[in-house]
Amino acid sequence: MRADVVVVGAGPAGLASATRLAEAGRQVLLLARGNGFTHWGAGSVDVLGRVGGEPVERPLEAIDRLPEGHPYHLVGQAAVRDMAARRQHPVPLAEVVDEVRRVTSGAGA
């Protein structure tokens, strides 16, 4: 793998730096040991910013362009929109996993 920049550390500063560099068009390699910041920010909102290296202006509409195995693609736009609309507070990761399983098993479709 070739990269323009290697960012060491996946804490808040490392992730912010890697994100800004990627947005500026650089190929970024992010190296981390142990749990990065995303592990501790389980109550955060995940916003779809790129698909296939292209910036996304409307994240919900871009879900259909994700690879077939991607969790958002598996549950689809309607499920992601409905889940976001019902959630006005941080959700435990286990609840999100349960919701994805319910929707992908056909129980909620």
Foldseek 3Di string as FASTA:
>chain_A
DDWPEEQEAQEPVSVVVQVVCLVVPTGYHYHYDDDHNCVVVQQDDDADQDAPSHGDPDRLVCLCRHPCPDLDVLLHSVLVVVVVVVDPGGDHPVVVVVSSVCRNVVVVD
